[in-house]
Amino acid sequence: MTDDTGLAGHLLIAMPGMPDPRFAHSVVFLCAHSAEGAMGLIVNKPLPDLNFGMLLQTLDIPLQGQNSGLGDAPAQADDAVYFGGPVETSRGFVLHTPDVMAADASLSVTEFAALSTSLDILAQIARGQGPTEVRLALGYAGWGPDQLDAELRAGGWLTCAADAGLLYGTAPGELWSATLDRIGVDPRLLSSTSGRA
């Protein structure tokens, strides 16, 4: 890393040989990356047994909004909640455009992405007063000092500069191949085993 922001705002693309099955074909949006470590959210793995409506019901937040911005449509009970990563899987995270921020619980990452952990953001989304674009996740991906850098050097991940179109406008099932396409890599040519020179 050459600066304090490192790869924050970039996407990590799991290589086919990723040894941890939780990260197989994952795309991770990095929210923080520095000498102290890294933190991000997997943004292409919807949870099969949980949706926005169920999450709000668990938190006793009524879904009232007609235009919250989960994509271009109003917030719907069946909107996806994503597996954000294997750390603190019961903790919720909201990755969103920074047009609406929680006073003490939002971290600005880029001009198109902020991270919030406040229930206030969920309540605003449910009322139709939330950010323009939103990705809801449970859990996060975390790395200790130099851990992610070592995984990058070992060839476990590729990186891609993120933008709003990739992050919010690409279907989860297409995001892995779309990010590879963005950096000019044909997934058919990627080996599932990594070698050492």
N, C-alpha and C. Protein backbone atom coordinates (compact mmCIF):
# COMPACT_ATOMS: atom_id res chain seq x y z
N MET A 1 0.84 -1.18 0.00
CA MET A 1 0.00 0.00 0.00
C MET A 1 0.88 1.23 0.00
N THR A 2 0.44 2.24 -0.71
CA THR A 2 1.24 3.44 -0.79
C THR A 2 0.63 4.59 -0.01
N ASP A 3 -0.61 4.46 0.44
CA ASP A 3 -1.22 5.54 1.21
C ASP A 3 -2.21 4.95 2.20
N ASP A 4 -2.83 5.85 3.00
CA ASP A 4 -3.71 5.39 4.07
C ASP A 4 -5.02 4.82 3.55
N THR A 5 -5.42 5.19 2.32
CA THR A 5 -6.70 4.69 1.81
C THR A 5 -6.54 3.36 1.11
N GLY A 6 -5.32 2.99 0.70
CA GLY A 6 -5.10 1.71 0.06
C GLY A 6 -6.09 1.45 -1.06
N LEU A 7 -6.79 0.33 -0.98
CA LEU A 7 -7.74 -0.06 -2.02
C LEU A 7 -9.20 0.22 -1.64
N ALA A 8 -9.42 1.06 -0.65
CA ALA A 8 -10.80 1.42 -0.29
C ALA A 8 -11.50 1.98 -1.53
N GLY A 9 -12.72 1.52 -1.76
CA GLY A 9 -13.47 1.95 -2.93
C GLY A 9 -13.25 1.06 -4.14
N HIS A 10 -12.43 0.03 -4.00
CA HIS A 10 -12.19 -0.94 -5.07
C HIS A 10 -12.97 -2.22 -4.80
N LEU A 11 -13.09 -3.03 -5.83
CA LEU A 11 -13.70 -4.34 -5.72
C LEU A 11 -12.61 -5.41 -5.74
N LEU A 12 -12.72 -6.36 -4.84
CA LEU A 12 -11.87 -7.54 -4.86
C LEU A 12 -12.64 -8.64 -5.58
N ILE A 13 -11.97 -9.33 -6.50
CA ILE A 13 -12.59 -10.40 -7.26
C ILE A 13 -11.89 -11.70 -6.88
N ALA A 14 -12.62 -12.62 -6.29
CA ALA A 14 -12.02 -13.89 -5.86
C ALA A 14 -11.58 -14.71 -7.07
N MET A 15 -10.35 -15.21 -7.01
CA MET A 15 -9.86 -16.09 -8.07
C MET A 15 -10.56 -17.46 -7.95
N PRO A 16 -10.65 -18.21 -9.05
CA PRO A 16 -11.34 -19.50 -9.02
C PRO A 16 -10.77 -20.48 -7.99
N GLY A 17 -9.51 -20.38 -7.66
CA GLY A 17 -8.91 -21.31 -6.71
C GLY A 17 -9.02 -20.87 -5.26
N MET A 18 -9.87 -19.89 -4.97
CA MET A 18 -10.03 -19.39 -3.60
C MET A 18 -10.28 -20.56 -2.65
N PRO A 19 -9.37 -20.78 -1.67
CA PRO A 19 -9.52 -21.95 -0.81
C PRO A 19 -10.68 -21.87 0.19
N ASP A 20 -11.12 -20.67 0.54
CA ASP A 20 -12.22 -20.51 1.49
C ASP A 20 -13.54 -20.51 0.73
N PRO A 21 -14.38 -21.55 0.90
CA PRO A 21 -15.63 -21.64 0.12
C PRO A 21 -16.57 -20.47 0.36
N ARG A 22 -16.46 -19.81 1.49
CA ARG A 22 -17.33 -18.65 1.76
C ARG A 22 -17.05 -17.51 0.79
N PHE A 23 -15.85 -17.51 0.22
CA PHE A 23 -15.47 -16.44 -0.70
C PHE A 23 -15.45 -16.89 -2.17
N ALA A 24 -15.85 -18.11 -2.45
CA ALA A 24 -15.84 -18.61 -3.83
C ALA A 24 -16.68 -17.69 -4.72
N HIS A 25 -16.11 -17.26 -5.83
CA HIS A 25 -16.76 -16.36 -6.79
C HIS A 25 -17.31 -15.09 -6.15
N SER A 26 -16.68 -14.66 -5.06
CA SER A 26 -17.13 -13.45 -4.39
C SER A 26 -16.58 -12.20 -5.04
N VAL A 27 -17.36 -11.13 -4.92
CA VAL A 27 -16.89 -9.78 -5.23
C VAL A 27 -17.09 -8.99 -3.95
N VAL A 28 -16.00 -8.41 -3.45
CA VAL A 28 -16.01 -7.68 -2.18
C VAL A 28 -15.76 -6.21 -2.44
N PHE A 29 -16.65 -5.34 -1.95
CA PHE A 29 -16.41 -3.91 -2.01
C PHE A 29 -15.63 -3.52 -0.77
N LEU A 30 -14.41 -3.00 -0.96
CA LEU A 30 -13.56 -2.62 0.17
C LEU A 30 -13.96 -1.25 0.70
N CYS A 31 -14.35 -1.22 1.97
CA CYS A 31 -14.74 0.03 2.62
C CYS A 31 -13.55 0.69 3.32
N ALA A 32 -12.56 -0.11 3.71
CA ALA A 32 -11.38 0.41 4.39
C ALA A 32 -10.20 -0.50 4.08
N HIS A 33 -9.01 0.10 3.91
CA HIS A 33 -7.80 -0.66 3.65
C HIS A 33 -6.62 0.22 4.03
N SER A 34 -5.90 -0.20 5.06
CA SER A 34 -4.76 0.57 5.54
C SER A 34 -3.76 -0.39 6.17
N ALA A 35 -2.74 0.16 6.79
CA ALA A 35 -1.73 -0.66 7.47
C ALA A 35 -2.34 -1.46 8.62
N GLU A 36 -3.47 -0.99 9.14
CA GLU A 36 -4.13 -1.69 10.27
C GLU A 36 -4.97 -2.87 9.82
N GLY A 37 -5.25 -2.98 8.52
CA GLY A 37 -6.05 -4.08 8.02
C GLY A 37 -7.04 -3.60 6.97
N ALA A 38 -8.03 -4.43 6.69
CA ALA A 38 -9.01 -4.10 5.67
C ALA A 38 -10.38 -4.62 6.07
N MET A 39 -11.41 -3.97 5.54
CA MET A 39 -12.79 -4.36 5.82
C MET A 39 -13.62 -4.11 4.57
N GLY A 40 -14.49 -5.05 4.23
CA GLY A 40 -15.36 -4.87 3.09
C GLY A 40 -16.59 -5.73 3.20
N LEU A 41 -17.46 -5.60 2.20
CA LEU A 41 -18.70 -6.36 2.14
C LEU A 41 -18.75 -7.14 0.83
N ILE A 42 -19.12 -8.43 0.94
CA ILE A 42 -19.41 -9.21 -0.27
C ILE A 42 -20.72 -8.66 -0.83
N VAL A 43 -20.71 -8.31 -2.12
CA VAL A 43 -21.87 -7.63 -2.70
C VAL A 43 -22.57 -8.45 -3.79
N ASN A 44 -22.22 -9.74 -3.88
CA ASN A 44 -22.87 -10.53 -4.93
C ASN A 44 -23.44 -11.86 -4.42
N LYS A 45 -23.69 -11.96 -3.11
CA LYS A 45 -24.23 -13.21 -2.59
C LYS A 45 -25.49 -12.95 -1.75
N PRO A 46 -26.66 -12.88 -2.40
CA PRO A 46 -27.90 -12.71 -1.63
C PRO A 46 -28.13 -13.91 -0.71
N LEU A 47 -28.60 -13.62 0.49
CA LEU A 47 -28.94 -14.70 1.43
C LEU A 47 -30.23 -15.37 0.97
N PRO A 48 -30.26 -16.70 0.89
CA PRO A 48 -31.45 -17.37 0.36
C PRO A 48 -32.64 -17.36 1.30
N ASP A 49 -32.40 -17.21 2.60
CA ASP A 49 -33.48 -17.35 3.56
C ASP A 49 -33.83 -16.06 4.28
N LEU A 50 -33.41 -14.92 3.74
CA LEU A 50 -33.69 -13.64 4.39
C LEU A 50 -33.88 -12.57 3.33
N ASN A 51 -34.90 -11.73 3.52
CA ASN A 51 -35.10 -10.60 2.63
C ASN A 51 -35.36 -9.35 3.46
N PHE A 52 -35.51 -8.22 2.78
CA PHE A 52 -35.66 -6.93 3.44
C PHE A 52 -36.86 -6.92 4.39
N GLY A 53 -37.99 -7.44 3.91
CA GLY A 53 -39.19 -7.46 4.74
C GLY A 53 -39.01 -8.27 6.01
N MET A 54 -38.37 -9.43 5.89
CA MET A 54 -38.13 -10.27 7.07
C MET A 54 -37.18 -9.57 8.04
N LEU A 55 -36.16 -8.90 7.51
CA LEU A 55 -35.22 -8.18 8.36
C LEU A 55 -35.92 -7.07 9.12
N LEU A 56 -36.76 -6.30 8.42
CA LEU A 56 -37.50 -5.22 9.09
C LEU A 56 -38.45 -5.78 10.15
N GLN A 57 -39.08 -6.90 9.85
CA GLN A 57 -40.00 -7.51 10.82
C GLN A 57 -39.24 -7.91 12.08
N THR A 58 -38.06 -8.50 11.90
CA THR A 58 -37.23 -8.89 13.04
C THR A 58 -36.86 -7.68 13.90
N LEU A 59 -36.64 -6.55 13.25
CA LEU A 59 -36.23 -5.33 13.95
C LEU A 59 -37.41 -4.47 14.37
N ASP A 60 -38.64 -4.94 14.08
CA ASP A 60 -39.87 -4.22 14.41
C ASP A 60 -39.91 -2.83 13.76
N ILE A 61 -39.50 -2.78 12.48
CA ILE A 61 -39.55 -1.54 11.70
C ILE A 61 -40.58 -1.75 10.59
N PRO A 62 -41.65 -0.94 10.56
CA PRO A 62 -42.67 -1.13 9.51
C PRO A 62 -42.17 -0.66 8.15
N LEU A 63 -42.52 -1.39 7.11
CA LEU A 63 -42.19 -1.01 5.74
C LEU A 63 -43.30 -0.11 5.23
N GLN A 64 -43.02 1.20 5.17
CA GLN A 64 -44.04 2.17 4.78
C GLN A 64 -43.72 2.83 3.46
N GLY A 65 -42.46 2.85 3.07
CA GLY A 65 -42.01 3.67 1.96
C GLY A 65 -42.54 3.23 0.62
N GLN A 66 -42.69 4.20 -0.24
CA GLN A 66 -43.08 3.92 -1.62
C GLN A 66 -41.92 4.16 -2.58
N ASN A 67 -40.82 4.73 -2.08
CA ASN A 67 -39.72 5.04 -2.99
C ASN A 67 -38.40 5.14 -2.23
N SER A 68 -37.93 4.02 -1.70
CA SER A 68 -36.73 4.07 -0.88
C SER A 68 -35.45 4.05 -1.68
N GLY A 69 -35.49 3.52 -2.90
CA GLY A 69 -34.29 3.49 -3.70
C GLY A 69 -33.51 2.20 -3.65
N LEU A 70 -34.11 1.08 -3.32
CA LEU A 70 -33.40 -0.20 -3.45
C LEU A 70 -33.41 -0.53 -4.93
N GLY A 71 -32.44 -0.01 -5.64
CA GLY A 71 -32.46 -0.07 -7.10
C GLY A 71 -33.36 1.05 -7.58
N ASP A 72 -34.02 0.86 -8.73
CA ASP A 72 -34.90 1.89 -9.27
C ASP A 72 -36.33 1.75 -8.76
N ALA A 73 -36.64 0.64 -8.08
CA ALA A 73 -38.00 0.39 -7.63
C ALA A 73 -38.14 0.76 -6.16
N PRO A 74 -39.37 0.96 -5.70
CA PRO A 74 -39.58 1.20 -4.28
C PRO A 74 -39.11 0.00 -3.45
N ALA A 75 -38.86 0.25 -2.17
CA ALA A 75 -38.46 -0.85 -1.29
C ALA A 75 -39.56 -1.89 -1.26
N GLN A 76 -39.17 -3.12 -1.45
CA GLN A 76 -40.11 -4.22 -1.44
C GLN A 76 -39.69 -5.22 -0.38
N ALA A 77 -40.66 -5.91 0.16
CA ALA A 77 -40.36 -6.89 1.20
C ALA A 77 -39.41 -7.97 0.71
N ASP A 78 -39.44 -8.28 -0.60
CA ASP A 78 -38.60 -9.36 -1.10
C ASP A 78 -37.23 -8.89 -1.62
N ASP A 79 -36.86 -7.63 -1.39
CA ASP A 79 -35.53 -7.17 -1.78
C ASP A 79 -34.46 -7.96 -1.03
N ALA A 80 -33.33 -8.17 -1.70
CA ALA A 80 -32.27 -9.03 -1.17
C ALA A 80 -31.56 -8.42 0.03
N VAL A 81 -31.15 -9.31 0.92
CA VAL A 81 -30.17 -9.00 1.96
C VAL A 81 -28.98 -9.91 1.65
N TYR A 82 -27.79 -9.34 1.65
CA TYR A 82 -26.61 -10.07 1.20
C TYR A 82 -25.81 -10.65 2.36
N PHE A 83 -25.11 -11.75 2.06
CA PHE A 83 -24.09 -12.28 2.96
C PHE A 83 -22.87 -11.37 2.78
N GLY A 84 -22.64 -10.50 3.76
CA GLY A 84 -21.56 -9.52 3.64
C GLY A 84 -20.19 -10.08 3.93
N GLY A 85 -20.15 -11.22 4.62
CA GLY A 85 -18.88 -11.85 4.96
C GLY A 85 -19.03 -12.65 6.24
N PRO A 86 -17.98 -13.39 6.59
CA PRO A 86 -18.08 -14.34 7.69
C PRO A 86 -17.86 -13.75 9.09
N VAL A 87 -17.59 -12.46 9.20
CA VAL A 87 -17.33 -11.84 10.50
C VAL A 87 -18.60 -11.14 10.99
N GLU A 88 -18.98 -11.38 12.24
CA GLU A 88 -20.16 -10.76 12.86
C GLU A 88 -21.39 -10.88 11.97
N THR A 89 -21.76 -12.11 11.67
CA THR A 89 -22.84 -12.37 10.70
C THR A 89 -24.23 -11.96 11.19
N SER A 90 -24.36 -11.61 12.45
CA SER A 90 -25.66 -11.12 12.93
C SER A 90 -25.72 -9.60 12.91
N ARG A 91 -24.63 -8.95 12.53
CA ARG A 91 -24.59 -7.49 12.50
C ARG A 91 -24.92 -6.99 11.10
N GLY A 92 -25.77 -5.96 11.03
CA GLY A 92 -26.20 -5.43 9.75
C GLY A 92 -25.37 -4.26 9.28
N PHE A 93 -25.19 -4.19 7.96
CA PHE A 93 -24.46 -3.10 7.32
C PHE A 93 -25.27 -2.62 6.12
N VAL A 94 -25.26 -1.33 5.88
CA VAL A 94 -25.94 -0.75 4.74
C VAL A 94 -24.90 -0.03 3.90
N LEU A 95 -24.67 -0.53 2.69
CA LEU A 95 -23.81 0.12 1.72
C LEU A 95 -24.73 0.93 0.83
N HIS A 96 -24.46 2.23 0.68
CA HIS A 96 -25.43 3.09 0.00
C HIS A 96 -24.77 4.32 -0.61
N THR A 97 -25.52 5.00 -1.46
CA THR A 97 -25.06 6.27 -1.98
C THR A 97 -25.07 7.28 -0.84
N PRO A 98 -24.13 8.25 -0.85
CA PRO A 98 -24.00 9.17 0.28
C PRO A 98 -24.97 10.34 0.26
N ASP A 99 -26.08 10.23 -0.47
CA ASP A 99 -27.06 11.31 -0.47
C ASP A 99 -27.85 11.38 0.83
N VAL A 100 -27.88 10.30 1.59
CA VAL A 100 -28.47 10.28 2.93
C VAL A 100 -27.45 9.62 3.85
N MET A 101 -27.12 10.31 4.94
CA MET A 101 -26.11 9.78 5.87
C MET A 101 -26.68 9.77 7.28
N ALA A 102 -26.26 8.80 8.08
CA ALA A 102 -26.59 8.78 9.50
C ALA A 102 -25.53 9.61 10.22
N ALA A 103 -25.95 10.50 11.10
CA ALA A 103 -25.05 11.48 11.70
C ALA A 103 -23.77 10.87 12.27
N ASP A 104 -23.90 9.86 13.10
CA ASP A 104 -22.72 9.31 13.76
C ASP A 104 -22.38 7.89 13.31
N ALA A 105 -23.12 7.36 12.36
CA ALA A 105 -22.93 5.95 12.02
C ALA A 105 -22.73 5.71 10.53
N SER A 106 -22.24 6.73 9.80
CA SER A 106 -21.97 6.56 8.37
C SER A 106 -20.52 6.91 8.07
N LEU A 107 -19.90 6.07 7.27
CA LEU A 107 -18.53 6.28 6.82
C LEU A 107 -18.56 6.55 5.33
N SER A 108 -18.07 7.70 4.91
CA SER A 108 -17.98 8.00 3.48
C SER A 108 -16.78 7.25 2.91
N VAL A 109 -17.00 6.46 1.86
CA VAL A 109 -15.93 5.68 1.25
C VAL A 109 -15.50 6.31 -0.07
N THR A 110 -16.47 6.62 -0.94
CA THR A 110 -16.21 7.27 -2.23
C THR A 110 -17.34 8.25 -2.48
N GLU A 111 -17.30 8.91 -3.64
CA GLU A 111 -18.38 9.83 -3.98
C GLU A 111 -19.68 9.09 -4.27
N PHE A 112 -19.62 7.76 -4.44
CA PHE A 112 -20.85 6.99 -4.73
C PHE A 112 -21.16 5.95 -3.67
N ALA A 113 -20.37 5.87 -2.61
CA ALA A 113 -20.59 4.81 -1.62
C ALA A 113 -20.26 5.27 -0.21
N ALA A 114 -21.17 4.93 0.69
CA ALA A 114 -20.97 5.14 2.12
C ALA A 114 -21.42 3.87 2.83
N LEU A 115 -20.93 3.69 4.04
CA LEU A 115 -21.28 2.51 4.83
C LEU A 115 -21.92 2.98 6.12
N SER A 116 -23.09 2.45 6.44
CA SER A 116 -23.80 2.80 7.67
C SER A 116 -24.15 1.55 8.45
N THR A 117 -24.18 1.71 9.76
CA THR A 117 -24.54 0.61 10.65
C THR A 117 -25.73 0.98 11.54
N SER A 118 -26.34 2.10 11.28
CA SER A 118 -27.40 2.60 12.14
C SER A 118 -28.77 2.06 11.75
N LEU A 119 -29.59 1.77 12.75
CA LEU A 119 -30.97 1.38 12.47
C LEU A 119 -31.74 2.54 11.87
N ASP A 120 -31.26 3.78 12.10
CA ASP A 120 -31.94 4.95 11.54
C ASP A 120 -31.97 4.89 10.02
N ILE A 121 -30.89 4.42 9.41
CA ILE A 121 -30.85 4.31 7.94
C ILE A 121 -31.91 3.32 7.47
N LEU A 122 -32.01 2.17 8.16
CA LEU A 122 -33.03 1.18 7.78
C LEU A 122 -34.44 1.77 7.92
N ALA A 123 -34.67 2.52 8.99
CA ALA A 123 -35.98 3.14 9.19
C ALA A 123 -36.27 4.16 8.09
N GLN A 124 -35.25 4.92 7.69
CA GLN A 124 -35.43 5.88 6.60
C GLN A 124 -35.76 5.17 5.29
N ILE A 125 -35.06 4.07 5.02
CA ILE A 125 -35.34 3.29 3.81
C ILE A 125 -36.78 2.78 3.86
N ALA A 126 -37.18 2.26 5.00
CA ALA A 126 -38.54 1.70 5.14
C ALA A 126 -39.61 2.77 4.96
N ARG A 127 -39.28 4.03 5.32
CA ARG A 127 -40.23 5.14 5.15
C ARG A 127 -40.19 5.75 3.75
N GLY A 128 -39.28 5.26 2.91
CA GLY A 128 -39.16 5.83 1.58
C GLY A 128 -38.32 7.08 1.55
N GLN A 129 -37.48 7.29 2.58
CA GLN A 129 -36.67 8.49 2.67
C GLN A 129 -35.18 8.15 2.71
N GLY A 130 -34.84 6.97 2.21
CA GLY A 130 -33.46 6.51 2.29
C GLY A 130 -32.61 6.95 1.11
N PRO A 131 -31.38 6.48 1.07
CA PRO A 131 -30.48 6.80 -0.04
C PRO A 131 -31.01 6.31 -1.38
N THR A 132 -30.48 6.87 -2.45
CA THR A 132 -30.92 6.51 -3.80
C THR A 132 -30.65 5.05 -4.12
N GLU A 133 -29.46 4.57 -3.75
CA GLU A 133 -29.08 3.18 -4.00
C GLU A 133 -28.63 2.55 -2.70
N VAL A 134 -29.00 1.28 -2.50
CA VAL A 134 -28.74 0.61 -1.22
C VAL A 134 -28.40 -0.86 -1.45
N ARG A 135 -27.45 -1.38 -0.67
CA ARG A 135 -27.19 -2.82 -0.57
C ARG A 135 -27.16 -3.15 0.93
N LEU A 136 -28.05 -4.03 1.34
CA LEU A 136 -28.14 -4.45 2.74
C LEU A 136 -27.35 -5.73 2.92
N ALA A 137 -26.60 -5.83 4.01
CA ALA A 137 -25.78 -7.03 4.23
C ALA A 137 -25.73 -7.38 5.70
N LEU A 138 -25.56 -8.67 5.96
CA LEU A 138 -25.28 -9.17 7.31
C LEU A 138 -23.87 -9.73 7.30
N GLY A 139 -23.06 -9.29 8.26
CA GLY A 139 -21.68 -9.73 8.34
C GLY A 139 -20.78 -8.92 7.43
N TYR A 140 -19.47 -9.10 7.64
CA TYR A 140 -18.50 -8.41 6.79
C TYR A 140 -17.26 -9.27 6.62
N ALA A 141 -16.43 -8.87 5.69
CA ALA A 141 -15.15 -9.53 5.45
C ALA A 141 -14.07 -8.65 6.07
N GLY A 142 -13.21 -9.24 6.87
CA GLY A 142 -12.16 -8.46 7.53
C GLY A 142 -10.81 -9.15 7.43
N TRP A 143 -9.78 -8.33 7.37
CA TRP A 143 -8.40 -8.82 7.30
C TRP A 143 -7.56 -8.06 8.31
N GLY A 144 -6.64 -8.74 8.96
CA GLY A 144 -5.73 -8.10 9.90
C GLY A 144 -4.61 -7.38 9.15
N PRO A 145 -3.67 -6.77 9.90
CA PRO A 145 -2.56 -6.06 9.26
C PRO A 145 -1.82 -6.94 8.26
N ASP A 146 -1.67 -6.44 7.05
CA ASP A 146 -0.94 -7.08 5.95
C ASP A 146 -1.57 -8.38 5.44
N GLN A 147 -2.67 -8.83 6.04
CA GLN A 147 -3.27 -10.09 5.62
C GLN A 147 -3.81 -10.02 4.19
N LEU A 148 -4.58 -8.98 3.88
CA LEU A 148 -5.11 -8.85 2.53
C LEU A 148 -3.98 -8.65 1.53
N ASP A 149 -3.00 -7.85 1.89
CA ASP A 149 -1.87 -7.62 0.98
C ASP A 149 -1.16 -8.93 0.65
N ALA A 150 -1.03 -9.79 1.66
CA ALA A 150 -0.40 -11.10 1.43
C ALA A 150 -1.25 -11.95 0.50
N GLU A 151 -2.58 -11.92 0.68
CA GLU A 151 -3.48 -12.68 -0.20
C GLU A 151 -3.43 -12.14 -1.62
N LEU A 152 -3.29 -10.83 -1.78
CA LEU A 152 -3.16 -10.24 -3.11
C LEU A 152 -1.86 -10.67 -3.77
N ARG A 153 -0.77 -10.63 -3.00
CA ARG A 153 0.53 -11.05 -3.55
C ARG A 153 0.52 -12.53 -3.93
N ALA A 154 -0.24 -13.34 -3.20
CA ALA A 154 -0.31 -14.78 -3.47
C ALA A 154 -1.25 -15.10 -4.64
N GLY A 155 -1.91 -14.10 -5.18
CA GLY A 155 -2.79 -14.33 -6.32
C GLY A 155 -4.18 -14.80 -5.97
N GLY A 156 -4.63 -14.56 -4.74
CA GLY A 156 -5.97 -14.98 -4.34
C GLY A 156 -7.07 -14.07 -4.83
N TRP A 157 -6.71 -12.81 -5.13
CA TRP A 157 -7.70 -11.83 -5.53
C TRP A 157 -7.19 -11.01 -6.70
N LEU A 158 -8.10 -10.54 -7.53
CA LEU A 158 -7.83 -9.49 -8.49
C LEU A 158 -8.55 -8.24 -7.99
N THR A 159 -8.16 -7.07 -8.46
CA THR A 159 -8.81 -5.84 -8.04
C THR A 159 -9.36 -5.09 -9.25
N CYS A 160 -10.42 -4.36 -8.99
CA CYS A 160 -11.09 -3.58 -10.03
C CYS A 160 -11.60 -2.29 -9.38
N ALA A 161 -11.33 -1.16 -10.02
CA ALA A 161 -11.89 0.10 -9.52
C ALA A 161 -13.41 0.01 -9.60
N ALA A 162 -14.05 0.37 -8.52
CA ALA A 162 -15.52 0.28 -8.47
C ALA A 162 -16.14 1.56 -9.02
N ASP A 163 -17.36 1.45 -9.45
CA ASP A 163 -18.18 2.62 -9.78
C ASP A 163 -19.62 2.28 -9.45
N ALA A 164 -20.48 3.28 -9.51
CA ALA A 164 -21.87 3.07 -9.12
C ALA A 164 -22.57 2.05 -10.01
N GLY A 165 -22.23 2.03 -11.29
CA GLY A 165 -22.87 1.09 -12.20
C GLY A 165 -22.57 -0.35 -11.85
N LEU A 166 -21.29 -0.63 -11.56
CA LEU A 166 -20.94 -2.00 -11.15
C LEU A 166 -21.56 -2.34 -9.80
N LEU A 167 -21.44 -1.42 -8.85
CA LEU A 167 -21.84 -1.72 -7.48
C LEU A 167 -23.35 -1.87 -7.32
N TYR A 168 -24.11 -0.97 -7.92
CA TYR A 168 -25.56 -0.97 -7.71
C TYR A 168 -26.35 -1.45 -8.92
N GLY A 169 -25.76 -1.36 -10.10
CA GLY A 169 -26.53 -1.61 -11.31
C GLY A 169 -26.30 -2.95 -11.97
N THR A 170 -25.49 -3.81 -11.35
CA THR A 170 -25.21 -5.12 -11.94
C THR A 170 -25.86 -6.20 -11.08
N ALA A 171 -26.57 -7.11 -11.73
CA ALA A 171 -27.23 -8.20 -11.00
C ALA A 171 -26.18 -9.02 -10.25
N PRO A 172 -26.49 -9.48 -9.03
CA PRO A 172 -25.51 -10.21 -8.23
C PRO A 172 -24.92 -11.41 -8.95
N GLY A 173 -25.74 -12.14 -9.70
CA GLY A 173 -25.25 -13.33 -10.39
C GLY A 173 -24.32 -13.01 -11.55
N GLU A 174 -24.29 -11.76 -11.98
CA GLU A 174 -23.44 -11.35 -13.10
C GLU A 174 -22.23 -10.53 -12.67
N LEU A 175 -22.16 -10.15 -11.39
CA LEU A 175 -21.14 -9.20 -10.96
C LEU A 175 -19.73 -9.76 -11.05
N TRP A 176 -19.53 -11.03 -10.71
CA TRP A 176 -18.18 -11.61 -10.76
C TRP A 176 -17.63 -11.55 -12.19
N SER A 177 -18.42 -11.99 -13.16
CA SER A 177 -17.95 -11.97 -14.54
C SER A 177 -17.89 -10.54 -15.08
N ALA A 178 -18.78 -9.66 -14.64
CA ALA A 178 -18.76 -8.27 -15.11
C ALA A 178 -17.51 -7.54 -14.63
N THR A 179 -17.07 -7.80 -13.40
CA THR A 179 -15.86 -7.15 -12.91
C THR A 179 -14.63 -7.68 -13.65
N LEU A 180 -14.61 -8.98 -13.91
CA LEU A 180 -13.50 -9.54 -14.69
C LEU A 180 -13.47 -8.94 -16.09
N ASP A 181 -14.64 -8.80 -16.69
CA ASP A 181 -14.72 -8.20 -18.01
C ASP A 181 -14.21 -6.76 -17.98
N ARG A 182 -14.55 -6.03 -16.92
CA ARG A 182 -14.13 -4.63 -16.79
C ARG A 182 -12.61 -4.49 -16.81
N ILE A 183 -11.91 -5.47 -16.22
CA ILE A 183 -10.44 -5.38 -16.19
C ILE A 183 -9.80 -6.19 -17.32
N GLY A 184 -10.64 -6.70 -18.24
CA GLY A 184 -10.12 -7.37 -19.42
C GLY A 184 -9.64 -8.78 -19.20
N VAL A 185 -10.24 -9.49 -18.23
CA VAL A 185 -9.85 -10.86 -17.94
C VAL A 185 -10.97 -11.81 -18.35
N ASP A 186 -10.63 -12.82 -19.13
CA ASP A 186 -11.59 -13.84 -19.53
C ASP A 186 -11.62 -14.92 -18.44
N PRO A 187 -12.77 -15.09 -17.75
CA PRO A 187 -12.81 -16.06 -16.65
C PRO A 187 -12.50 -17.49 -17.09
N ARG A 188 -12.71 -17.79 -18.37
CA ARG A 188 -12.40 -19.14 -18.86
C ARG A 188 -10.91 -19.42 -18.88
N LEU A 189 -10.10 -18.36 -18.85
CA LEU A 189 -8.65 -18.53 -18.90
C LEU A 189 -8.01 -18.54 -17.52
N LEU A 190 -8.83 -18.32 -16.48
CA LEU A 190 -8.28 -18.33 -15.12
C LEU A 190 -8.13 -19.73 -14.61
N SER A 191 -6.99 -20.03 -14.04
CA SER A 191 -6.74 -21.36 -13.50
C SER A 191 -7.33 -21.44 -12.10
N SER A 192 -7.83 -22.60 -11.74
CA SER A 192 -8.36 -22.81 -10.40
C SER A 192 -7.26 -23.15 -9.42
N THR A 193 -6.03 -23.26 -9.90
CA THR A 193 -4.90 -23.50 -9.00
C THR A 193 -3.89 -22.39 -9.21
N SER A 194 -3.24 -22.00 -8.16
CA SER A 194 -2.24 -20.93 -8.29
C SER A 194 -0.84 -21.54 -8.20
N GLY A 195 0.05 -21.01 -8.98
CA GLY A 195 1.42 -21.50 -8.96
C GLY A 195 2.35 -20.50 -8.34
N ARG A 196 3.58 -20.89 -8.15
CA ARG A 196 4.58 -19.97 -7.60
C ARG A 196 5.75 -19.90 -8.56
N ALA A 197 6.23 -18.71 -8.79
CA ALA A 197 7.35 -18.53 -9.71
C ALA A 197 8.66 -18.72 -8.97
